[in-house]
């Protein structure tokens, strides 16, 4: 692999790494350009192992010796001559907007979106993320999904990008392994899920919406086949339309005057509770 030592943050070859802390910009530019940024040697390695193609790699000078262990493995995947850029921490921080201390960054080719049919085929436990905007929460939900028996994730049009750098890092690469895609025309697509044999379940605090909410423990004990769990955005939770349309409303029983959990924490609790249900 060609290794280039950079001397300025203004190097035109590094445009993909410029302004990584500008969330609004990256949220728009990365999908439009068909790329995403993988952060840390471990995440890059996992992305490559899942068949994702690197475009280039950027790292601090002092990481090159450690990364040389990983680079041959990337090269062995026949991705061609990937440019590797190295520079001082000062230059990298000026370029990216933050201190790069996790080994390396890589510009990766964004994989083609999966079709809804392929994501749902054979799935029994599906999660829908309705307009969840915090990338940390998205990543944490993917990690919990991977570890707790979820087969697929659907995200609504306004949901944060699972392939945003922070989502990937928090998920520990689970966004590469859990099948996911964006679902159109939400919440109208709830009927689409019902038509495919899924019982749709709104996960919401108790006494929200017009239908009676069921205790998660009771719901998990019942006979369940194909289930689609709907999780709502931070703060406001699920939309009224989703609450009205879903087959069931389920809440996590709470105590000490606490009404709800953070959406990622709630997701993990629900996923765990449903692991043994059939």
Protein backbone atom coordinates (compact mmCIF):
# COMPACT_ATOMS: atom_id res chain seq x y z
CA UNK A 1 0.00 0.00 0.00
CA UNK A 2 1.30 3.50 -0.82
CA UNK A 3 2.11 5.35 2.42
CA UNK A 4 2.09 9.15 2.24
CA UNK A 5 3.39 11.49 4.93
CA UNK A 6 1.25 14.64 5.05
CA UNK A 7 2.57 18.05 6.08
CA UNK A 8 -0.59 20.16 6.01
CA UNK A 9 -4.24 19.79 6.93
CA UNK A 10 -5.04 21.49 3.64
CA UNK A 11 -3.86 18.52 1.56
CA UNK A 12 -6.60 18.12 -1.10
CA UNK A 13 -6.32 14.32 -0.95
CA UNK A 14 -7.77 14.40 2.58
CA UNK A 15 -11.11 16.04 1.83
CA UNK A 16 -13.03 13.01 3.14
CA UNK A 17 -11.57 13.54 6.63
CA UNK A 18 -12.14 17.28 6.90
CA UNK A 19 -14.55 18.54 9.56
CA UNK A 20 -15.60 15.20 11.02
CA UNK A 21 -17.21 16.91 14.03
CA UNK A 22 -19.68 18.82 11.84
CA UNK A 23 -22.60 16.42 12.35
CA UNK A 24 -25.05 18.23 10.08
CA UNK A 25 -22.54 18.30 7.23
CA UNK A 26 -21.44 14.68 7.61
CA UNK A 27 -25.00 13.42 7.94
CA UNK A 28 -25.71 14.84 4.50
CA UNK A 29 -22.40 14.50 2.67
CA UNK A 30 -21.41 10.93 3.57
CA UNK A 31 -24.56 9.18 2.24
CA UNK A 32 -24.59 11.44 -0.82
CA UNK A 33 -20.97 10.56 -1.59
CA UNK A 34 -21.49 6.87 -0.90
CA UNK A 35 -18.95 6.67 1.93
CA UNK A 36 -18.68 6.50 5.71
CA UNK A 37 -15.85 6.95 8.20
CA UNK A 38 -14.67 4.03 10.32
CA UNK A 39 -12.79 5.01 13.48
CA UNK A 40 -10.23 2.80 15.24
CA UNK A 41 -8.16 -0.12 14.03
CA UNK A 42 -10.65 -2.64 15.46
CA UNK A 43 -13.63 -1.08 13.66
CA UNK A 44 -11.71 -0.89 10.39
CA UNK A 45 -10.75 -4.54 10.75
CA UNK A 46 -14.37 -5.54 11.41
CA UNK A 47 -15.64 -3.53 8.46
CA UNK A 48 -13.16 -5.20 6.13
CA UNK A 49 -14.02 -8.62 7.56
CA UNK A 50 -17.66 -7.91 6.63
CA UNK A 51 -16.66 -7.18 3.04
CA UNK A 52 -16.67 -3.39 3.18
CA UNK A 53 -14.16 -1.68 0.91
CA UNK A 54 -11.73 0.95 2.22
CA UNK A 55 -10.89 3.95 0.03
CA UNK A 56 -8.05 5.33 2.16
CA UNK A 57 -6.69 5.22 5.70
CA UNK A 58 -5.47 8.09 7.89
CA UNK A 59 -3.45 7.76 11.09
CA UNK A 60 -0.99 9.55 13.33
CA UNK A 61 2.67 8.87 12.64
CA UNK A 62 3.16 6.94 15.86
CA UNK A 63 0.43 4.44 14.92
CA UNK A 64 1.99 3.25 11.69
CA UNK A 65 4.09 0.52 13.30
CA UNK A 66 1.04 -0.96 15.09
CA UNK A 67 -1.18 -0.62 12.03
CA UNK A 68 1.32 -2.46 9.83
CA UNK A 69 -0.02 -5.64 11.45
CA UNK A 70 -3.50 -4.84 10.14
CA UNK A 71 -2.61 -3.37 6.75
CA UNK A 72 -1.43 -6.60 5.12
CA UNK A 73 -4.74 -8.21 6.09
CA UNK A 74 -6.61 -5.42 4.34
CA UNK A 75 -4.38 -5.78 1.29
CA UNK A 76 -5.00 -9.53 1.21
CA UNK A 77 -8.68 -8.78 0.54
CA UNK A 78 -7.65 -7.55 -2.92
CA UNK A 79 -8.93 -3.99 -2.49
CA UNK A 80 -6.10 -2.64 -4.64
CA UNK A 81 -3.59 0.03 -3.72
CA UNK A 82 -5.28 1.86 -0.87
CA UNK A 83 -3.61 5.15 0.04
CA UNK A 84 -2.41 5.33 3.64
CA UNK A 85 -1.81 8.84 5.00
CA UNK A 86 0.19 9.60 8.15
CA UNK A 87 0.77 12.90 9.92
CA UNK A 88 1.32 14.55 13.27
CA UNK A 89 -1.42 14.66 15.88
CA UNK A 90 -1.53 18.42 15.42
CA UNK A 91 -2.24 18.16 11.70
CA UNK A 92 -4.81 15.41 12.18
CA UNK A 93 -6.65 17.40 14.85
CA UNK A 94 -6.71 20.49 12.65
CA UNK A 95 -8.00 18.38 9.77
CA UNK A 96 -10.67 16.33 11.55
CA UNK A 97 -11.67 18.65 14.38
CA UNK A 98 -10.75 16.27 17.21
CA UNK A 99 -7.77 14.45 18.69
CA UNK A 100 -7.35 11.20 16.78
CA UNK A 101 -6.30 8.73 19.47
CA UNK A 102 -7.95 5.44 18.46
CA UNK A 103 -5.31 4.33 15.99
CA UNK A 104 -6.71 5.29 12.63
CA UNK A 105 -9.59 6.51 10.51
CA UNK A 106 -10.66 5.01 7.22
CA UNK A 107 -12.86 6.30 4.45
CA UNK A 108 -15.01 3.30 3.51
CA UNK A 109 -17.30 2.69 0.57
CA UNK A 110 -20.87 2.63 1.83
CA UNK A 111 -22.52 -0.72 0.97
CA UNK A 112 -25.65 -0.71 -1.15
CA UNK A 113 -28.84 -0.56 0.97
CA UNK A 114 -30.46 -3.90 1.63
CA UNK A 115 -33.96 -4.46 0.29
CA UNK A 116 -36.81 -4.66 2.77
CA UNK A 117 -37.59 -8.18 1.54
CA UNK A 118 -34.07 -9.41 2.23
CA UNK A 119 -34.01 -7.85 5.70
CA UNK A 120 -37.36 -9.34 6.74
CA UNK A 121 -36.93 -12.75 5.12
CA UNK A 122 -36.83 -15.33 7.90
CA UNK A 123 -36.72 -12.70 10.67
CA UNK A 124 -38.73 -13.34 13.85
CA UNK A 125 -37.58 -10.43 15.98
CA UNK A 126 -37.46 -7.07 14.20
CA UNK A 127 -36.90 -3.62 15.68
CA UNK A 128 -38.07 -0.31 14.21
CA UNK A 129 -36.26 2.88 15.27
CA UNK A 130 -38.76 5.71 14.87
CA UNK A 131 -36.95 9.03 14.35
CA UNK A 132 -34.20 8.33 16.91
CA UNK A 133 -31.76 11.17 16.28
CA UNK A 134 -28.95 10.53 18.75
CA UNK A 135 -26.15 8.55 17.09
CA UNK A 136 -25.01 7.14 20.43
CA UNK A 137 -28.45 5.68 21.08
CA UNK A 138 -28.61 4.19 17.58
CA UNK A 139 -25.22 2.54 18.05
CA UNK A 140 -26.10 1.23 21.50
CA UNK A 141 -29.36 -0.27 20.23
CA UNK A 142 -27.54 -2.04 17.41
CA UNK A 143 -25.04 -3.48 19.89
CA UNK A 144 -27.82 -4.72 22.16
CA UNK A 145 -29.67 -6.13 19.15
CA UNK A 146 -26.62 -8.09 18.04
CA UNK A 147 -26.09 -9.57 21.48
CA UNK A 148 -29.70 -10.22 22.48
CA UNK A 149 -31.34 -12.07 19.64
CA UNK A 150 -32.70 -9.39 17.30
CA UNK A 151 -32.74 -10.50 13.65
CA UNK A 152 -33.09 -7.17 11.84
CA UNK A 153 -33.53 -3.42 12.33
CA UNK A 154 -35.62 -1.00 10.30
CA UNK A 155 -35.07 2.74 10.58
CA UNK A 156 -37.56 5.42 9.65
CA UNK A 157 -36.72 8.21 7.17
CA UNK A 158 -35.84 10.71 9.93
CA UNK A 159 -33.75 8.31 12.02
CA UNK A 160 -30.02 8.97 12.48
CA UNK A 161 -27.56 7.20 10.18
CA UNK A 162 -26.28 3.90 11.64
CA UNK A 163 -23.13 4.34 9.54
CA UNK A 164 -22.24 7.66 11.11
CA UNK A 165 -18.83 7.44 12.81
CA UNK A 166 -20.12 7.60 16.38
CA UNK A 167 -22.94 5.11 15.79
CA UNK A 168 -20.46 2.61 14.38
CA UNK A 169 -18.04 3.06 17.26
CA UNK A 170 -20.69 2.74 20.00
CA UNK A 171 -22.13 -0.35 18.29
CA UNK A 172 -18.65 -1.93 18.24
CA UNK A 173 -19.24 -2.74 14.58
CA UNK A 174 -22.67 -4.34 15.11
CA UNK A 175 -24.06 -2.03 12.40
CA UNK A 176 -22.04 -4.17 9.97
CA UNK A 177 -23.55 -7.47 11.11
CA UNK A 178 -27.21 -6.80 12.02
CA UNK A 179 -29.24 -6.56 8.78
CA UNK A 180 -30.92 -3.15 8.48
CA UNK A 181 -32.54 -0.80 6.02
CA UNK A 182 -34.67 2.33 5.93
CA UNK A 183 -38.40 1.71 5.84
CA UNK A 184 -40.46 4.16 3.76
CA UNK A 185 -43.68 6.00 4.47
CA UNK A 186 -43.65 5.73 8.23
CA UNK A 187 -45.93 5.14 10.13
CA UNK A 188 -47.99 3.84 7.21
CA UNK A 189 -45.50 0.95 6.93
CA UNK A 190 -46.80 -0.50 10.20
CA UNK A 191 -49.57 -2.03 8.09
CA UNK A 192 -46.90 -3.43 5.77
CA UNK A 193 -45.32 -5.23 8.73
CA UNK A 194 -48.69 -6.57 9.82
CA UNK A 195 -49.30 -7.83 6.29
CA UNK A 196 -46.05 -9.79 6.51
CA UNK A 197 -47.21 -11.57 9.64
CA UNK A 198 -45.58 -9.42 12.31
CA UNK A 199 -47.30 -8.52 15.56
CA UNK A 200 -46.47 -4.83 15.99
CA UNK A 201 -45.57 -3.73 19.50
CA UNK A 202 -45.19 -0.13 20.68
CA UNK A 203 -42.58 0.11 23.45
CA UNK A 204 -43.71 3.06 25.53
CA UNK A 205 -44.04 4.20 29.15
CA UNK A 206 -47.18 3.12 30.96
CA UNK A 207 -50.44 5.01 30.30
CA UNK A 208 -49.30 6.58 27.03
CA UNK A 209 -51.76 6.43 24.16
CA UNK A 210 -55.38 5.32 24.11
CA UNK A 211 -54.89 1.55 24.31
CA UNK A 212 -54.08 -0.18 27.56
CA UNK A 213 -50.36 -0.80 28.06
CA UNK A 214 -49.23 -4.32 28.97
CA UNK A 215 -46.49 -5.19 31.44
CA UNK A 216 -43.42 -6.45 29.56
CA UNK A 217 -43.18 -9.48 31.85
CA UNK A 218 -46.71 -10.57 30.97
CA UNK A 219 -46.21 -9.92 27.27
CA UNK A 220 -42.94 -11.89 27.16
CA UNK A 221 -44.62 -14.87 28.84
CA UNK A 222 -47.24 -15.17 26.12
CA UNK A 223 -46.99 -17.10 22.83
CA UNK A 224 -45.16 -14.92 20.29
CA UNK A 225 -44.23 -15.66 16.70
CA UNK A 226 -43.03 -12.79 14.49
CA UNK A 227 -42.73 -9.55 16.45
CA UNK A 228 -41.84 -6.01 15.36
CA UNK A 229 -40.81 -3.82 18.31
CA UNK A 230 -41.27 -0.07 17.72
CA UNK A 231 -39.00 2.29 19.68
CA UNK A 232 -39.62 6.04 19.71
CA UNK A 233 -37.44 9.09 19.56
CA UNK A 234 -35.68 10.63 22.55
CA UNK A 235 -37.85 12.94 24.62
CA UNK A 236 -41.25 12.65 22.97
CA UNK A 237 -41.19 8.90 22.44
CA UNK A 238 -43.40 7.20 19.88
CA UNK A 239 -45.69 9.23 17.67
CA UNK A 240 -49.42 9.16 18.37
CA UNK A 241 -49.99 7.52 14.99
CA UNK A 242 -47.69 4.63 15.88
CA UNK A 243 -49.27 4.16 19.28
CA UNK A 244 -52.73 4.05 17.73
CA UNK A 245 -51.77 1.68 14.89
CA UNK A 246 -49.67 -0.96 16.70
CA UNK A 247 -51.29 -4.20 17.84
CA UNK A 248 -49.98 -3.87 21.38
CA UNK A 249 -48.50 -1.28 23.70
CA UNK A 250 -45.92 -2.65 26.15
CA UNK A 251 -44.14 -0.91 29.01
CA UNK A 252 -41.24 -1.79 31.30
CA UNK A 253 -42.47 -1.81 34.93
CA UNK A 254 -40.62 0.90 36.89
CA UNK A 255 -40.29 1.96 40.51
CA UNK A 256 -39.15 4.90 42.67
CA UNK A 257 -41.20 7.39 40.65
CA UNK A 258 -39.06 6.80 37.55
CA UNK A 259 -41.36 6.73 34.55
CA UNK A 260 -39.02 5.57 31.79
CA UNK A 261 -35.50 4.63 30.71
CA UNK A 262 -33.24 6.03 28.05
CA UNK A 263 -34.32 4.49 24.74
CA UNK A 264 -31.13 2.45 24.35
CA UNK A 265 -31.42 1.09 27.90
CA UNK A 266 -35.09 0.31 27.37
CA UNK A 267 -34.28 -1.48 24.13
CA UNK A 268 -31.76 -3.75 25.87
CA UNK A 269 -34.24 -4.64 28.61
CA UNK A 270 -36.96 -5.51 26.08
CA UNK A 271 -34.61 -7.51 23.86
CA UNK A 272 -33.41 -9.53 26.85
CA UNK A 273 -36.94 -10.17 28.09
CA UNK A 274 -38.04 -11.55 24.71
CA UNK A 275 -35.06 -13.85 24.11
CA UNK A 276 -36.83 -16.97 25.31
CA UNK A 277 -40.32 -16.22 24.00
CA UNK A 278 -41.81 -18.25 21.14
